[in-house]
Structures are given as structure tokens and as C-alpha cells.
Amino acid sequence: MADLMPLPTPEDIRAERAENPKLRDRDLATRLGITEARLVAAYCGAGVTRIDPHPDAVMGAAGELGEVMALTRNESCVHERVGRYENYHSGQHAAMMLGEDIDMRMFPAHWCHGFMVERESETGVRRSLQVFDAAGDAVHKIHLRDSSNLGAWDGLRSRLALADQSQRLELAERKPTEAAKSEPAKLDILRKEWARLTDTHQFLRLTSKLRMNRLGAYRIAGAPFVRAVATEAVDLALQQVAAEGFEIMVFVGNRGCIQIHSGPIETLKPMGPWQNVMDPRFNLHLRLDHIAEVWAVDKPTQRGPAVSLEAFDAEGGLILQIFGVGKEGRDSRPAWRSLVAGLPGLAEEVA
């Protein structure tokens, strides 16, 4: 077997950045054959500070920064929400941010490397908090805005800084996406227990108990629980939601974080393979060409059926989920349910 190419040194990384100052971090890291976290770490002591990455520390800091932009992404979708970090709930295995604007679920085991980043740009210094998983992939980022509390920045950096400010980063191997797991012999149990759900959060516990995962369960459950729909259904749904003005919940996540937008979407701007929501406080960037499978899903709850549209990539990874908003006084669930029912289905079941 041929030897692996040596990793670029921090000096190599900074030299490449100097030659490509406008390239996004993610794209520059790909060009160098490294993860984004290794790129950021190369600037420790030169605008970058290693910090405690735990959600308790990062969310506490975020709460002092006032209005910011929260960003969570996966390979196929970027979710950006402007607002304040408020109403944080810590948890050993799962933590929550339940603010009016910023709504997130966090899994602390994957918050492994944290940085406070300052970078000169054409419009001045740009500041952000960035968290990465064990492999060096981005989990969550917090970008300061002109309206943010810049006065809190230096104090937070002093408080959160780690003793280790090395420019080199030890990373674990990236774990592959889990492929769809089904247990056809347990189909009757799956359907029986699915019909008894009272909350959507019970679903993953059910699939785990049956040694399946989300996509594996969808592939065998059949009507009335799921319906395979065309891959273009997500874009059609976004267009119809924007045209009709009702409210949806958009979930986008990775192993360490799920970020949620609740409300309408207004401005759609397609560009190449991307469909983009470009609203003042919510942006979504979705690679339509990455969508390999879409399922319309119906789960019973105490508040009525929760209908979702869920898109997966070719490896079986979840790209995003969309639900109708069901708040008292403005219940968009019936309109959303009707929209999903009218989306084009597949001519045959997904193999």
C-alpha cells in the first residue's frame, strides 16, 4: 500500500490561505486534504484561540453576545438563523436551546474542539465561535453581527481559553454514515408500536429497540405510515410554502447538533444545484442534487398526527426534515398535511 501523503504543516496551511484569501474555509480545507478544524487550529495565537468546546461553556458565552447568527450544517444543507441564545437547558447526553429565535438540540459527546476566531475581511474584523467533532468536521458556528455585544468578546476569550493553544490538532477518523437498517421479520411489531406513538421523540427509541434506524424503518413500514415521494418533492414543497405563506419547522443537523427554524419562508433564490431561502432572519442553502430519497411520514402524537417530509442522501444520511407548525392561534398543520398529500409519489417503492 502506498504511503499516505503527509499532512500539511500549520505553516503550509497559512501559506495556502495567503494565496487564496477569498476561498471559504471549507473549500480550502478540501483543497488541502484536511478537515476544517485543522485549518482553523493552524491560526492559534494569530487570531484564533482554543476554547472549552462543551455546550455549557459555548452556549453560556453565546448568551452574552446578544444578537448573532447561528449556523448548523451537514454535507448537503446549511441552516442559518439570526437571534439570541436564550433559555438553555444543559444535559449529559443531550442539551437544548429553546429561545424564541435560536432553537437547537445538542449532543455534547460530539462537541470536541472549540475556537474563538477573529479574521480580517474587506468589511472589518469578523468574529465567530466554532465547534468541531472528533474528526474535525463542523458541528456548530456562531457568527457575530454589527448588532452583537462586541464588548463581551475579550472577557469571554479569557474565560474560555484552554491552556493548550497548539496549532496542531489530534483528530479521530471520520465515521461513515450509517446505512439503512431494516428488520423485516419485525415489521408487524414496528407497525403496531408506531400506531401507539404519542410523541415523535419516541420513534427513534422504537427503531433502536427493534435494531433498525430511521431510514430502514421507513423503507419497510408502508401505508398509512410512510409514502415514498419524488426527489423533487422537497423543492416543490418549499415553493408552495413560500407562495401560500403558512408556517413550517425546518430541522437540519449533524451528529452533534440539530437546528430548527419555525415560521414562514418568503424569498426563494435558486442558484445552480442549490435552492436558497434568503429571508432577513433565516437562510437555508440546500443541495437539491444531493437528495436521493424523500419520504412523507405520518407519526401519531397526543396533539394529532405529525406529518413530515424527510430527505436523505445517497449514503442514507438525513439531510433535512420539514413539519407544519402547530401553535395555538396559528395552526399550519392542516395546510401542511394537505400540501404533503399532494406531492408526487414514486412510480414504485424504493428498493
Protein backbone atom coordinates (compact mmCIF):
# COMPACT_ATOMS: atom_id res chain seq x y z
CA MET A 1 0.00 0.00 0.00
CA ALA A 2 1.33 3.44 -0.92
CA ASP A 3 2.25 5.76 1.94
CA LEU A 4 -0.31 8.37 2.79
CA MET A 5 0.56 11.92 1.87
CA PRO A 6 1.88 13.83 4.90
CA LEU A 7 -0.48 16.37 6.38
CA PRO A 8 0.36 20.00 5.60
CA THR A 9 2.03 21.81 8.48
CA PRO A 10 0.39 24.86 10.09
CA GLU A 11 2.90 26.96 8.11
CA ASP A 12 1.81 25.26 4.87
CA ILE A 13 -1.84 25.90 5.72
CA ARG A 14 -1.26 29.61 6.40
CA ALA A 15 0.74 29.98 3.19
CA GLU A 16 -2.08 28.40 1.16
CA ARG A 17 -4.61 30.71 2.85
CA ALA A 18 -2.44 33.74 1.99
CA GLU A 19 -2.52 32.69 -1.66
CA ASN A 20 -6.31 32.13 -1.60
CA PRO A 21 -7.66 34.77 0.78
CA LYS A 22 -11.23 34.66 -0.56
CA LEU A 23 -11.69 30.90 -0.54
CA ARG A 24 -14.13 29.60 2.07
CA ASP A 25 -12.55 27.62 4.91
CA ARG A 26 -14.45 24.50 3.94
CA ASP A 27 -13.27 24.70 0.32
CA LEU A 28 -9.67 25.49 1.27
CA ALA A 29 -9.62 22.55 3.68
CA THR A 30 -10.86 20.26 0.89
CA ARG A 31 -8.15 21.55 -1.43
CA LEU A 32 -5.51 20.80 1.23
CA GLY A 33 -6.95 17.37 2.04
CA ILE A 34 -7.61 18.27 5.69
CA THR A 35 -10.65 18.91 7.86
CA GLU A 36 -11.85 22.41 8.59
CA ALA A 37 -10.86 22.18 12.27
CA ARG A 38 -7.21 21.56 11.36
CA LEU A 39 -7.30 24.64 9.13
CA VAL A 40 -8.68 26.82 11.95
CA ALA A 41 -6.21 25.42 14.51
CA ALA A 42 -3.28 26.48 12.31
CA TYR A 43 -4.07 30.08 13.33
CA CYS A 44 -3.98 29.58 17.11
CA GLY A 45 -2.11 32.58 18.52
CA ALA A 46 -2.78 34.51 15.30
CA GLY A 47 -6.43 35.48 15.63
CA VAL A 48 -7.64 32.09 16.86
CA THR A 49 -7.98 30.88 20.46
CA ARG A 50 -8.70 27.30 21.51
CA ILE A 51 -11.61 27.25 23.96
CA ASP A 52 -13.62 24.82 26.05
CA PRO A 53 -15.90 23.16 23.44
CA HIS A 54 -18.61 21.85 25.81
CA PRO A 55 -22.10 23.20 25.06
CA ASP A 56 -22.39 24.51 28.64
CA ALA A 57 -19.39 26.79 28.02
CA VAL A 58 -20.17 27.73 24.41
CA MET A 59 -23.88 28.37 24.97
CA GLY A 60 -23.12 30.39 28.09
CA ALA A 61 -20.79 32.57 26.03
CA ALA A 62 -23.30 32.84 23.20
CA GLY A 63 -25.91 34.12 25.62
CA GLU A 64 -23.69 37.12 26.45
CA LEU A 65 -23.14 38.11 22.82
CA GLY A 66 -26.64 39.39 22.09
CA GLU A 67 -27.94 39.05 18.56
CA VAL A 68 -25.80 36.73 16.44
CA MET A 69 -26.17 34.29 13.55
CA ALA A 70 -26.38 30.57 14.40
CA LEU A 71 -25.17 28.13 11.73
CA THR A 72 -25.55 24.35 11.64
CA ARG A 73 -24.88 22.29 8.54
CA ASN A 74 -24.31 18.89 7.03
CA GLU A 75 -22.81 17.97 3.66
CA SER A 76 -25.98 18.90 1.78
CA CYS A 77 -27.71 21.66 3.72
CA VAL A 78 -26.80 24.84 5.65
CA HIS A 79 -29.22 26.31 8.23
CA GLU A 80 -28.63 29.92 9.38
CA ARG A 81 -30.79 31.70 11.96
CA VAL A 82 -30.39 35.21 13.38
CA GLY A 83 -31.34 35.74 17.00
CA ARG A 84 -30.31 35.47 20.63
CA TYR A 85 -29.23 32.38 22.54
CA GLU A 86 -31.78 32.17 25.36
CA ASN A 87 -33.35 29.50 27.59
CA TYR A 88 -30.51 26.95 27.60
CA HIS A 89 -31.03 23.56 29.22
CA SER A 90 -27.91 21.51 29.97
CA GLY A 91 -27.87 17.72 29.76
CA GLN A 92 -25.27 14.98 29.96
CA HIS A 93 -26.34 13.26 26.73
CA ALA A 94 -28.50 15.96 25.12
CA ALA A 95 -28.80 19.70 25.73
CA MET A 96 -31.36 22.18 24.39
CA MET A 97 -31.56 25.84 23.45
CA LEU A 98 -35.24 26.81 23.46
CA GLY A 99 -35.15 30.50 22.58
CA GLU A 100 -37.71 32.34 20.52
CA ASP A 101 -35.18 32.67 17.67
CA ILE A 102 -32.49 30.05 18.30
CA ASP A 103 -33.93 26.55 18.73
CA MET A 104 -31.37 23.73 18.94
CA ARG A 105 -30.70 20.24 20.21
CA MET A 106 -27.06 19.48 21.10
CA PHE A 107 -25.23 16.21 21.79
CA PRO A 108 -22.20 17.07 23.96
CA ALA A 109 -20.22 13.90 23.15
CA HIS A 110 -19.58 15.35 19.68
CA TRP A 111 -18.52 18.85 20.84
CA CYS A 112 -14.79 18.06 20.83
CA HIS A 113 -12.82 21.09 19.57
CA GLY A 114 -13.76 24.73 20.10
CA PHE A 115 -12.29 28.01 18.84
CA MET A 116 -12.90 31.74 19.02
CA VAL A 117 -11.93 33.14 15.63
CA GLU A 118 -11.07 36.69 14.57
CA ARG A 119 -10.34 37.30 10.90
CA GLU A 120 -9.73 40.47 8.92
CA SER A 121 -12.03 40.97 5.97
CA GLU A 122 -12.85 43.72 3.49
CA THR A 123 -15.58 44.92 5.85
CA GLY A 124 -13.53 44.74 9.07
CA VAL A 125 -12.85 42.07 11.68
CA ARG A 126 -15.20 39.08 11.56
CA ARG A 127 -15.67 37.19 14.83
CA SER A 128 -17.10 33.71 15.40
CA LEU A 129 -17.23 30.78 17.81
CA GLN A 130 -16.73 27.47 16.04
CA VAL A 131 -17.14 23.92 17.34
CA PHE A 132 -15.99 20.71 15.62
CA ASP A 133 -16.41 16.99 16.26
CA ALA A 134 -13.70 14.39 16.91
CA ALA A 135 -12.96 14.09 13.18
CA GLY A 136 -12.67 17.85 12.74
CA ASP A 137 -15.99 18.42 10.95
CA ALA A 138 -18.07 21.47 11.86
CA VAL A 139 -20.81 20.90 14.44
CA HIS A 140 -21.98 24.47 15.08
CA LYS A 141 -20.83 28.04 14.44
CA ILE A 142 -21.88 31.36 15.95
CA HIS A 143 -21.14 34.45 13.86
CA LEU A 144 -21.20 37.89 15.45
CA ARG A 145 -23.01 40.74 13.71
CA ASP A 146 -22.69 44.52 13.90
CA SER A 147 -25.53 44.46 16.44
CA SER A 148 -23.78 41.87 18.68
CA ASN A 149 -22.32 42.71 22.09
CA LEU A 150 -18.70 43.08 20.95
CA GLY A 151 -17.73 44.36 24.41
CA ALA A 152 -18.16 40.85 25.85
CA TRP A 153 -15.78 39.21 23.38
CA ASP A 154 -12.40 39.70 25.09
CA GLY A 155 -13.71 38.70 28.50
CA LEU A 156 -15.23 35.52 27.10
CA ARG A 157 -11.98 34.63 25.36
CA SER A 158 -10.02 34.98 28.60
CA ARG A 159 -12.57 32.90 30.47
CA LEU A 160 -12.91 30.08 27.93
CA ALA A 161 -9.30 29.78 26.67
CA LEU A 162 -7.61 26.43 27.19
CA ALA A 163 -4.02 26.04 28.38
CA ASP A 164 -3.22 24.13 25.17
CA GLN A 165 -3.00 26.60 22.29
CA SER A 166 -1.13 24.32 19.90
CA GLN A 167 -1.53 24.89 16.17
CA ARG A 168 -1.62 21.13 15.59
CA LEU A 169 -4.76 19.09 16.21
CA GLU A 170 -5.14 15.40 17.00
CA LEU A 171 -8.23 14.08 15.22
CA ALA A 172 -10.09 10.78 15.06
CA GLU A 173 -11.04 9.01 11.84
CA ARG A 174 -14.35 10.14 10.41
CA LYS A 175 -17.12 7.60 10.96
CA PRO A 176 -19.13 6.70 7.84
CA THR A 177 -22.84 7.39 7.60
CA GLU A 178 -24.90 4.50 8.91
CA ALA A 179 -26.68 2.76 6.04
CA ALA A 180 -30.38 1.97 6.23
CA LYS A 181 -31.08 -0.85 8.72
CA SER A 182 -34.32 -2.83 8.46
CA GLU A 183 -35.62 -5.93 10.22
CA PRO A 184 -38.47 -7.19 8.00
CA ALA A 185 -39.18 -10.01 10.47
CA LYS A 186 -40.17 -7.34 12.99
CA LEU A 187 -42.43 -5.40 10.62
CA ASP A 188 -45.61 -6.31 12.49
CA ILE A 189 -44.13 -5.06 15.77
CA LEU A 190 -42.92 -1.87 14.11
CA ARG A 191 -46.34 -1.09 12.68
CA LYS A 192 -48.15 -1.98 15.90
CA GLU A 193 -45.87 0.15 18.07
CA TRP A 194 -45.79 3.01 15.52
CA ALA A 195 -49.58 3.26 15.72
CA ARG A 196 -49.27 3.66 19.50
CA LEU A 197 -46.81 6.58 19.45
CA THR A 198 -47.86 9.62 21.48
CA ASP A 199 -44.79 11.78 20.76
CA THR A 200 -42.41 11.98 17.78
CA HIS A 201 -39.40 11.63 20.09
CA GLN A 202 -40.48 8.06 20.88
CA PHE A 203 -39.82 6.97 17.30
CA LEU A 204 -36.02 6.63 17.46
CA ARG A 205 -36.29 4.69 20.71
CA LEU A 206 -38.69 2.33 18.95
CA THR A 207 -36.41 1.78 15.93
CA SER A 208 -33.39 1.27 18.18
CA LYS A 209 -35.26 -1.35 20.22
CA LEU A 210 -36.08 -3.19 17.00
CA ARG A 211 -32.48 -2.92 15.74
CA MET A 212 -33.44 -0.63 12.87
CA ASN A 213 -32.76 3.01 12.11
CA ARG A 214 -34.96 5.79 10.75
CA LEU A 215 -34.48 5.16 7.04
CA GLY A 216 -34.60 1.38 7.43
CA ALA A 217 -37.95 1.63 9.20
CA TYR A 218 -39.35 3.97 6.53
CA ARG A 219 -38.38 1.58 3.76
CA ILE A 220 -40.48 -1.28 5.13
CA ALA A 221 -43.31 0.40 7.10
CA GLY A 222 -45.65 1.13 4.18
CA ALA A 223 -49.01 2.95 4.26
CA PRO A 224 -50.52 4.60 6.23
CA PHE A 225 -47.23 5.44 7.99
CA VAL A 226 -44.97 6.44 5.10
CA ARG A 227 -45.08 7.19 1.39
CA ALA A 228 -42.07 7.42 -0.91
CA VAL A 229 -42.22 10.65 -2.90
CA ALA A 230 -40.25 12.06 -5.80
CA THR A 231 -36.87 13.67 -5.08
CA GLU A 232 -38.13 16.99 -6.44
CA ALA A 233 -40.87 17.00 -3.79
CA VAL A 234 -38.77 18.99 -1.30
CA ASP A 235 -38.24 21.85 -3.74
CA LEU A 236 -41.91 21.77 -4.77
CA ALA A 237 -42.91 21.92 -1.10
CA LEU A 238 -40.64 24.90 -0.37
CA GLN A 239 -42.06 26.77 -3.36
CA GLN A 240 -45.63 26.10 -2.27
CA VAL A 241 -44.97 27.09 1.35
CA ALA A 242 -43.41 30.36 0.20
CA ALA A 243 -46.35 31.04 -2.12
CA GLU A 244 -49.05 30.26 0.45
CA GLY A 245 -47.40 31.89 3.45
CA PHE A 246 -48.06 29.33 6.17
CA GLU A 247 -45.50 28.31 8.79
CA ILE A 248 -43.20 25.30 8.86
CA MET A 249 -40.47 23.86 11.03
CA VAL A 250 -37.19 23.09 9.23
CA PHE A 251 -34.76 20.74 11.02
CA VAL A 252 -31.15 20.49 9.79
CA GLY A 253 -28.45 18.69 11.71
CA ASN A 254 -25.32 16.62 12.00
CA ARG A 255 -24.07 14.18 14.65
CA GLY A 256 -23.58 16.91 17.24
CA CYS A 257 -26.33 19.45 16.66
CA ILE A 258 -29.81 19.95 15.22
CA GLN A 259 -31.00 23.48 14.43
CA ILE A 260 -34.67 24.36 13.90
CA HIS A 261 -36.43 27.23 12.13
CA SER A 262 -40.10 27.78 12.98
CA GLY A 263 -42.04 30.24 10.87
CA PRO A 264 -42.77 31.18 7.27
CA ILE A 265 -40.33 31.28 4.38
CA GLU A 266 -40.67 34.08 1.89
CA THR A 267 -37.79 34.51 -0.55
CA LEU A 268 -36.51 31.59 -2.62
CA LYS A 269 -33.46 32.10 -4.85
CA PRO A 270 -32.31 29.00 -6.78
CA MET A 271 -28.69 29.05 -7.93
CA GLY A 272 -27.18 26.11 -9.81
CA PRO A 273 -27.83 22.92 -7.79
CA TRP A 274 -28.76 24.98 -4.71
CA GLN A 275 -32.19 26.10 -3.57
CA ASN A 276 -31.82 29.02 -1.17
CA VAL A 277 -34.16 30.60 1.35
CA MET A 278 -32.91 34.20 1.71
CA ASP A 279 -35.06 35.83 4.40
CA PRO A 280 -33.82 38.55 6.80
CA ARG A 281 -33.53 36.22 9.82
CA PHE A 282 -33.45 32.78 8.23
CA ASN A 283 -31.30 31.44 5.39
CA LEU A 284 -31.32 27.87 4.10
CA HIS A 285 -28.96 26.52 1.43
CA LEU A 286 -30.00 23.11 0.12
CA ARG A 287 -28.18 20.99 -2.49
CA LEU A 288 -31.10 19.58 -4.46
CA ASP A 289 -28.82 17.27 -6.43
CA HIS A 290 -27.77 15.51 -3.21
CA ILE A 291 -31.33 14.36 -2.47
CA ALA A 292 -31.59 10.64 -3.25
CA GLU A 293 -34.69 9.61 -1.27
CA VAL A 294 -37.68 11.52 0.15
CA TRP A 295 -40.36 10.16 2.47
CA ALA A 296 -43.67 11.62 3.58
CA VAL A 297 -44.02 10.39 7.16
CA ASP A 298 -47.03 10.33 9.49
CA LYS A 299 -46.48 9.80 13.23
CA PRO A 300 -49.37 9.91 15.75
CA THR A 301 -48.99 12.25 18.75
CA GLN A 302 -51.21 13.42 21.59
CA ARG A 303 -51.77 16.65 19.61
CA GLY A 304 -52.72 14.90 16.40
CA PRO A 305 -50.69 13.47 13.51
CA ALA A 306 -47.21 14.90 12.93
CA VAL A 307 -46.63 14.87 9.19
CA SER A 308 -43.08 15.39 7.93
CA LEU A 309 -41.19 15.50 4.65
CA GLU A 310 -37.74 13.95 5.10
CA ALA A 311 -34.87 13.95 2.60
CA PHE A 312 -31.89 11.57 2.58
CA ASP A 313 -28.65 11.47 0.61
CA ALA A 314 -27.25 8.56 -1.38
CA GLU A 315 -25.46 7.14 1.68
CA GLY A 316 -28.66 7.18 3.74
CA GLY A 317 -27.80 10.31 5.72
CA LEU A 318 -30.66 12.59 6.79
CA ILE A 319 -30.40 15.98 5.03
CA LEU A 320 -33.42 17.78 6.49
CA GLN A 321 -36.92 17.35 7.88
CA ILE A 322 -39.89 19.70 7.43
CA PHE A 323 -43.02 19.74 9.63
CA GLY A 324 -46.00 22.05 9.86
CA VAL A 325 -46.10 24.50 12.80
CA GLY A 326 -48.93 23.74 15.22
CA LYS A 327 -49.16 26.65 17.63
CA GLU A 328 -52.39 27.78 19.19
CA GLY A 329 -53.91 30.53 17.11
CA ARG A 330 -51.88 29.78 14.01
CA ASP A 331 -52.03 26.07 13.27
CA SER A 332 -50.41 25.41 9.90
CA ARG A 333 -50.56 21.64 10.26
CA PRO A 334 -53.74 21.05 8.21
CA ALA A 335 -52.39 23.14 5.31
CA TRP A 336 -49.03 21.35 5.51
CA ARG A 337 -50.70 17.93 5.65
CA SER A 338 -52.70 18.78 2.54
CA LEU A 339 -49.56 20.01 0.74
CA VAL A 340 -47.63 16.82 1.53
CA ALA A 341 -50.55 14.63 0.43
CA GLY A 342 -50.49 16.31 -2.96
CA LEU A 343 -46.76 15.82 -3.63
CA PRO A 344 -45.88 13.42 -6.46
CA GLY A 345 -45.11 9.86 -5.37
CA LEU A 346 -42.72 7.36 -6.88
CA ALA A 347 -43.91 5.01 -9.56
CA GLU A 348 -42.57 2.15 -7.45
CA GLU A 349 -41.19 1.67 -3.94
CA VAL A 350 -37.54 2.50 -3.32
CA ALA A 351 -35.54 -0.71 -3.49
